[in-house]
PDB file of N, CA and C in Angstrom:
ATOM      1  N   MET A   1     -50.492 -35.198  29.365  1.00  0.00           N
ATOM      2  CA  MET A   1     -50.625 -34.160  29.662  1.00  0.00           C
ATOM      3  C   MET A   1     -49.256 -33.185  31.298  1.00  0.00           C
ATOM      4  N   HIS A   2     -49.234 -32.186  30.390  1.00  0.00           N
ATOM      5  CA  HIS A   2     -48.604 -31.357  30.550  1.00  0.00           C
ATOM      6  C   HIS A   2     -48.535 -30.701  31.930  1.00  0.00           C
ATOM      7  N   ILE A   3     -48.288 -30.519  33.189  1.00  0.00           N
ATOM      8  CA  ILE A   3     -48.694 -29.794  34.512  1.00  0.00           C
ATOM      9  C   ILE A   3     -47.917 -28.206  34.746  1.00  0.00           C
ATOM     10  N   ASP A   4     -48.462 -27.836  35.035  1.00  0.00           N
ATOM     11  CA  ASP A   4     -47.587 -26.588  35.602  1.00  0.00           C
ATOM     12  C   ASP A   4     -48.569 -25.970  36.512  1.00  0.00           C
ATOM     13  N   ILE A   5     -47.964 -25.201  37.949  1.00  0.00           N
ATOM     14  CA  ILE A   5     -48.239 -25.384  39.026  1.00  0.00           C
ATOM     15  C   ILE A   5     -47.591 -23.197  39.426  1.00  0.00           C
ATOM     16  N   ASP A   6     -48.583 -22.719  39.168  1.00  0.00           N
ATOM     17  CA  ASP A   6     -48.739 -20.939  39.486  1.00  0.00           C
ATOM     18  C   ASP A   6     -48.160 -21.142  40.637  1.00  0.00           C
ATOM     19  N   GLN A   7     -46.973 -20.925  41.052  1.00  0.00           N
ATOM     20  CA  GLN A   7     -46.241 -20.680  42.959  1.00  0.00           C
ATOM     21  C   GLN A   7     -46.404 -19.786  43.447  1.00  0.00           C
ATOM     22  N   ASP A   8     -46.902 -18.335  42.172  1.00  0.00           N
ATOM     23  CA  ASP A   8     -47.338 -16.760  42.939  1.00  0.00           C
ATOM     24  C   ASP A   8     -48.746 -16.846  43.379  1.00  0.00           C
ATOM     25  N   VAL A   9     -49.441 -17.968  42.968  1.00  0.00           N
ATOM     26  CA  VAL A   9     -51.018 -18.349  43.068  1.00  0.00           C
ATOM     27  C   VAL A   9     -51.363 -19.265  44.183  1.00  0.00           C
ATOM     28  N   CYS A  10     -50.253 -19.871  44.566  1.00  0.00           N
ATOM     29  CA  CYS A  10     -50.817 -21.472  45.288  1.00  0.00           C
ATOM     30  C   CYS A  10     -50.675 -20.957  46.629  1.00  0.00           C
ATOM     31  N   ILE A  11     -52.018 -21.534  47.527  1.00  0.00           N
ATOM     32  CA  ILE A  11     -52.253 -21.503  49.125  1.00  0.00           C
ATOM     33  C   ILE A  11     -51.846 -22.147  49.557  1.00  0.00           C
ATOM     34  N   GLY A  12     -51.707 -22.973  49.067  1.00  0.00           N
ATOM     35  CA  GLY A  12     -51.084 -24.015  50.049  1.00  0.00           C
ATOM     36  C   GLY A  12     -52.569 -25.179  50.042  1.00  0.00           C
ATOM     37  N   ALA A  13     -53.389 -24.891  49.747  1.00  0.00           N
ATOM     38  CA  ALA A  13     -54.727 -25.563  49.924  1.00  0.00           C
ATOM     39  C   ALA A  13     -54.354 -27.121  50.363  1.00  0.00           C
ATOM     40  N   GLY A  14     -54.104 -27.633  49.120  1.00  0.00           N
ATOM     41  CA  GLY A  14     -53.621 -29.344  49.287  1.00  0.00           C
ATOM     42  C   GLY A  14     -54.478 -29.995  48.978  1.00  0.00           C
ATOM     43  N   GLN A  15     -55.619 -29.401  48.188  1.00  0.00           N
ATOM     44  CA  GLN A  15     -56.881 -30.341  46.967  1.00  0.00           C
ATOM     45  C   GLN A  15     -56.023 -31.120  46.763  1.00  0.00           C
ATOM     46  N   CYS A  16     -55.050 -30.759  45.348  1.00  0.00           N
ATOM     47  CA  CYS A  16     -54.429 -31.098  44.687  1.00  0.00           C
ATOM     48  C   CYS A  16     -53.567 -33.065  45.291  1.00  0.00           C
ATOM     49  N   ALA A  17     -53.023 -32.734  46.043  1.00  0.00           N
ATOM     50  CA  ALA A  17     -52.483 -33.966  46.743  1.00  0.00           C
ATOM     51  C   ALA A  17     -53.031 -34.728  47.450  1.00  0.00           C
ATOM     52  N   LEU A  18     -54.352 -34.203  48.082  1.00  0.00           N
ATOM     53  CA  LEU A  18     -55.376 -34.865  48.586  1.00  0.00           C
ATOM     54  C   LEU A  18     -56.130 -36.341  46.990  1.00  0.00           C
ATOM     55  N   THR A  19     -56.470 -35.206  46.208  1.00  0.00           N
ATOM     56  CA  THR A  19     -56.934 -36.066  45.102  1.00  0.00           C
ATOM     57  C   THR A  19     -56.228 -36.778  44.146  1.00  0.00           C
ATOM     58  N   ALA A  20     -54.976 -36.318  43.813  1.00  0.00           N
ATOM     59  CA  ALA A  20     -54.016 -37.329  43.142  1.00  0.00           C
ATOM     60  C   ALA A  20     -52.078 -37.314  43.766  1.00  0.00           C
ATOM     61  N   PRO A  21     -52.399 -38.206  45.040  1.00  0.00           N
ATOM     62  CA  PRO A  21     -51.403 -38.011  45.660  1.00  0.00           C
ATOM     63  C   PRO A  21     -49.970 -38.718  44.829  1.00  0.00           C
ATOM     64  N   ASP A  22     -50.164 -39.406  43.677  1.00  0.00           N
ATOM     65  CA  ASP A  22     -48.963 -39.808  42.760  1.00  0.00           C
ATOM     66  C   ASP A  22     -48.474 -39.098  41.820  1.00  0.00           C
ATOM     67  N   VAL A  23     -49.113 -38.199  42.073  1.00  0.00           N
ATOM     68  CA  VAL A  23     -48.061 -36.609  41.322  1.00  0.00           C
ATOM     69  C   VAL A  23     -47.852 -35.746  41.882  1.00  0.00           C
ATOM     70  N   PHE A  24     -48.960 -34.843  43.149  1.00  0.00           N
ATOM     71  CA  PHE A  24     -48.772 -34.205  43.685  1.00  0.00           C
ATOM     72  C   PHE A  24     -48.132 -33.937  45.151  1.00  0.00           C
ATOM     73  N   THR A  25     -46.957 -33.319  45.293  1.00  0.00           N
ATOM     74  CA  THR A  25     -47.065 -33.110  47.220  1.00  0.00           C
ATOM     75  C   THR A  25     -47.198 -31.764  47.492  1.00  0.00           C
ATOM     76  N   GLN A  26     -46.256 -31.557  48.646  1.00  0.00           N
ATOM     77  CA  GLN A  26     -46.846 -30.016  49.583  1.00  0.00           C
ATOM     78  C   GLN A  26     -45.181 -29.877  50.071  1.00  0.00           C
ATOM     79  N   ASP A  27     -44.808 -28.588  49.054  1.00  0.00           N
ATOM     80  CA  ASP A  27     -42.739 -28.342  49.552  1.00  0.00           C
ATOM     81  C   ASP A  27     -42.821 -28.280  51.739  1.00  0.00           C
ATOM     82  N   ASN A  28     -42.084 -28.401  52.076  1.00  0.00           N
ATOM     83  CA  ASN A  28     -41.794 -27.987  53.352  1.00  0.00           C
ATOM     84  C   ASN A  28     -42.196 -26.536  53.709  1.00  0.00           C
ATOM     85  N   ASP A  29     -43.029 -25.991  53.470  1.00  0.00           N
ATOM     86  CA  ASP A  29     -43.300 -24.501  53.528  1.00  0.00           C
ATOM     87  C   ASP A  29     -45.374 -24.538  52.863  1.00  0.00           C
ATOM     88  N   GLY A  30     -45.385 -25.824  52.592  1.00  0.00           N
ATOM     89  CA  GLY A  30     -46.561 -25.919  52.130  1.00  0.00           C
ATOM     90  C   GLY A  30     -47.492 -26.208  51.134  1.00  0.00           C
ATOM     91  N   TYR A  31     -46.898 -25.296  50.046  1.00  0.00           N
ATOM     92  CA  TYR A  31     -47.201 -25.083  48.750  1.00  0.00           C
ATOM     93  C   TYR A  31     -47.300 -26.380  47.728  1.00  0.00           C
ATOM     94  N   SER A  32     -47.885 -26.588  47.106  1.00  0.00           N
ATOM     95  CA  SER A  32     -48.127 -27.658  46.064  1.00  0.00           C
ATOM     96  C   SER A  32     -46.447 -27.938  45.084  1.00  0.00           C
ATOM     97  N   THR A  33     -46.607 -28.929  44.754  1.00  0.00           N
ATOM     98  CA  THR A  33     -45.323 -29.154  43.808  1.00  0.00           C
ATOM     99  C   THR A  33     -45.354 -30.920  43.670  1.00  0.00           C
ATOM    100  N   LEU A  34     -45.078 -31.021  42.163  1.00  0.00           N
ATOM    101  CA  LEU A  34     -45.037 -32.034  41.926  1.00  0.00           C
ATOM    102  C   LEU A  34     -43.821 -33.201  41.547  1.00  0.00           C
ATOM    103  N   LEU A  35     -44.461 -34.368  42.111  1.00  0.00           N
ATOM    104  CA  LEU A  35     -43.529 -35.301  42.683  1.00  0.00           C
ATOM    105  C   LEU A  35     -42.333 -35.769  41.669  1.00  0.00           C
ATOM    106  N   PRO A  36     -41.062 -36.283  42.032  1.00  0.00           N
ATOM    107  CA  PRO A  36     -40.277 -36.308  40.655  1.00  0.00           C
ATOM    108  C   PRO A  36     -40.660 -37.242  39.744  1.00  0.00           C
ATOM    109  N   GLY A  37     -40.223 -36.916  38.070  1.00  0.00           N
ATOM    110  CA  GLY A  37     -41.317 -37.744  37.136  1.00  0.00           C
ATOM    111  C   GLY A  37     -42.341 -37.892  36.879  1.00  0.00           C
ATOM    112  N   ALA A  38     -43.344 -36.506  37.586  1.00  0.00           N
ATOM    113  CA  ALA A  38     -44.728 -36.695  37.382  1.00  0.00           C
ATOM    114  C   ALA A  38     -44.767 -35.226  36.558  1.00  0.00           C
ATOM    115  N   GLU A  39     -44.205 -34.917  35.570  1.00  0.00           N
ATOM    116  CA  GLU A  39     -43.767 -33.462  35.055  1.00  0.00           C
ATOM    117  C   GLU A  39     -45.009 -33.699  33.795  1.00  0.00           C
ATOM    118  N   ASP A  40     -44.981 -34.889  33.423  1.00  0.00           N
ATOM    119  CA  ASP A  40     -46.106 -35.417  32.008  1.00  0.00           C
ATOM    120  C   ASP A  40     -46.628 -36.395  32.505  1.00  0.00           C
ATOM    121  N   SER A  41     -47.083 -36.567  33.140  1.00  0.00           N
ATOM    122  CA  SER A  41     -48.114 -38.078  33.924  1.00  0.00           C
ATOM    123  C   SER A  41     -49.431 -37.396  33.320  1.00  0.00           C
ATOM    124  N   ALA A  42     -49.939 -38.964  33.481  1.00  0.00           N
ATOM    125  CA  ALA A  42     -51.313 -39.745  32.215  1.00  0.00           C
ATOM    126  C   ALA A  42     -52.502 -39.694  33.605  1.00  0.00           C
ATOM    127  N   ASP A  43     -51.682 -39.366  34.719  1.00  0.00           N
ATOM    128  CA  ASP A  43     -52.709 -39.757  35.445  1.00  0.00           C
ATOM    129  C   ASP A  43     -54.530 -39.798  35.604  1.00  0.00           C
ATOM    130  N   PRO A  44     -55.610 -40.269  35.431  1.00  0.00           N
ATOM    131  CA  PRO A  44     -56.698 -40.324  35.213  1.00  0.00           C
ATOM    132  C   PRO A  44     -57.101 -38.985  36.242  1.00  0.00           C
ATOM    133  N   LEU A  45     -56.880 -38.479  37.359  1.00  0.00           N
ATOM    134  CA  LEU A  45     -56.899 -37.366  38.552  1.00  0.00           C
ATOM    135  C   LEU A  45     -56.866 -36.435  37.877  1.00  0.00           C
ATOM    136  N   LEU A  46     -55.562 -36.060  37.248  1.00  0.00           N
ATOM    137  CA  LEU A  46     -54.752 -35.432  37.384  1.00  0.00           C
ATOM    138  C   LEU A  46     -56.271 -33.703  37.109  1.00  0.00           C
ATOM    139  N   ARG A  47     -56.872 -33.932  35.701  1.00  0.00           N
ATOM    140  CA  ARG A  47     -57.946 -32.833  35.509  1.00  0.00           C
ATOM    141  C   ARG A  47     -59.025 -32.501  36.676  1.00  0.00           C
ATOM    142  N   GLU A  48     -58.626 -33.882  37.810  1.00  0.00           N
ATOM    143  CA  GLU A  48     -59.956 -33.513  38.809  1.00  0.00           C
ATOM    144  C   GLU A  48     -59.284 -32.636  39.828  1.00  0.00           C
ATOM    145  N   ALA A  49     -57.896 -32.780  40.127  1.00  0.00           N
ATOM    146  CA  ALA A  49     -57.058 -32.295  41.336  1.00  0.00           C
ATOM    147  C   ALA A  49     -56.796 -30.940  40.722  1.00  0.00           C
ATOM    148  N   ALA A  50     -56.702 -30.334  39.592  1.00  0.00           N
ATOM    149  CA  ALA A  50     -56.539 -29.056  38.774  1.00  0.00           C
ATOM    150  C   ALA A  50     -57.751 -28.665  39.064  1.00  0.00           C
ATOM    151  N   ARG A  51     -58.894 -29.544  38.728  1.00  0.00           N
ATOM    152  CA  ARG A  51     -60.271 -28.267  39.478  1.00  0.00           C
ATOM    153  C   ARG A  51     -60.229 -28.474  40.865  1.00  0.00           C
ATOM    154  N   ALA A  52     -59.743 -29.085  41.596  1.00  0.00           N
ATOM    155  CA  ALA A  52     -60.019 -29.293  42.971  1.00  0.00           C
ATOM    156  C   ALA A  52     -59.364 -27.635  43.902  1.00  0.00           C
ATOM    157  N   CYS A  53     -58.291 -27.217  43.127  1.00  0.00           N
ATOM    158  CA  CYS A  53     -57.640 -25.866  43.766  1.00  0.00           C
ATOM    159  C   CYS A  53     -58.833 -24.511  43.844  1.00  0.00           C
ATOM    160  N   PRO A  54     -58.697 -24.483  44.979  1.00  0.00           N
ATOM    161  CA  PRO A  54     -59.519 -23.278  44.696  1.00  0.00           C
ATOM    162  C   PRO A  54     -59.206 -21.861  44.497  1.00  0.00           C
ATOM    163  N   VAL A  55     -57.756 -21.935  44.192  1.00  0.00           N
ATOM    164  CA  VAL A  55     -57.150 -20.540  43.450  1.00  0.00           C
ATOM    165  C   VAL A  55     -56.983 -20.716  41.619  1.00  0.00           C
ATOM    166  N   SER A  56     -57.090 -21.902  41.409  1.00  0.00           N
ATOM    167  CA  SER A  56     -57.085 -22.229  39.890  1.00  0.00           C
ATOM    168  C   SER A  56     -55.280 -21.973  39.547  1.00  0.00           C
ATOM    169  N   ALA A  57     -54.292 -22.345  40.606  1.00  0.00           N
ATOM    170  CA  ALA A  57     -53.336 -22.173  40.876  1.00  0.00           C
ATOM    171  C   ALA A  57     -52.820 -23.464  39.366  1.00  0.00           C
ATOM    172  N   ILE A  58     -53.059 -24.721  38.998  1.00  0.00           N
ATOM    173  CA  ILE A  58     -52.779 -25.840  38.536  1.00  0.00           C
ATOM    174  C   ILE A  58     -54.029 -25.236  37.295  1.00  0.00           C
ATOM    175  N   SER A  59     -52.808 -25.840  36.324  1.00  0.00           N
ATOM    176  CA  SER A  59     -53.059 -25.693  34.741  1.00  0.00           C
ATOM    177  C   SER A  59     -53.088 -27.392  34.307  1.00  0.00           C
ATOM    178  N   VAL A  60     -53.308 -27.983  33.344  1.00  0.00           N
ATOM    179  CA  VAL A  60     -53.067 -29.243  33.007  1.00  0.00           C
ATOM    180  C   VAL A  60     -53.459 -28.955  30.986  1.00  0.00           C
ATOM    181  N   SER A  61     -52.448 -29.581  30.199  1.00  0.00           N
ATOM    182  CA  SER A  61     -52.521 -29.389  29.037  1.00  0.00           C
ATOM    183  C   SER A  61     -52.076 -30.371  28.205  1.00  0.00           C
ATOM    184  N   GLU A  62     -52.872 -31.121  26.971  1.00  0.00           N
ATOM    185  CA  GLU A  62     -52.118 -31.852  25.982  1.00  0.00           C
ATOM    186  C   GLU A  62     -51.087 -31.764  25.919  1.00  0.00           C
ATOM    187  N   THR A  63     -50.188 -32.768  26.221  1.00  0.00           N
ATOM    188  CA  THR A  63     -48.434 -32.342  25.098  1.00  0.00           C
ATOM    189  C   THR A  63     -48.812 -32.956  23.846  1.00  0.00           C
ATOM    190  N   VAL A  64     -47.671 -31.648  23.470  1.00  0.00           N
ATOM    191  CA  VAL A  64     -47.690 -32.255  21.742  1.00  0.00           C
ATOM    192  C   VAL A  64     -46.598 -33.029  21.521  1.00  0.00           C
ATOM    193  N   GLY A  65     -46.845 -33.570  20.583  1.00  0.00           N
ATOM    194  CA  GLY A  65     -45.373 -34.262  20.193  1.00  0.00           C
ATOM    195  C   GLY A  65     -45.633 -35.395  19.516  1.00  0.00           C
TER     196      GLY A  65
END
């Protein structure tokens, strides 16, 4: 799966990092970012983490290929 975080929308609530800590973390300013190597993660909690975002800053799509 492919993960995209809209940094212009993210408010740093941290729900993604709490829900899928193997995929998301927060940067020094508290905003969501992907952990290295997690760009195309298959973590089963990924879609739940996107749903948990209070501002819908995270989108998850199937990887084509």
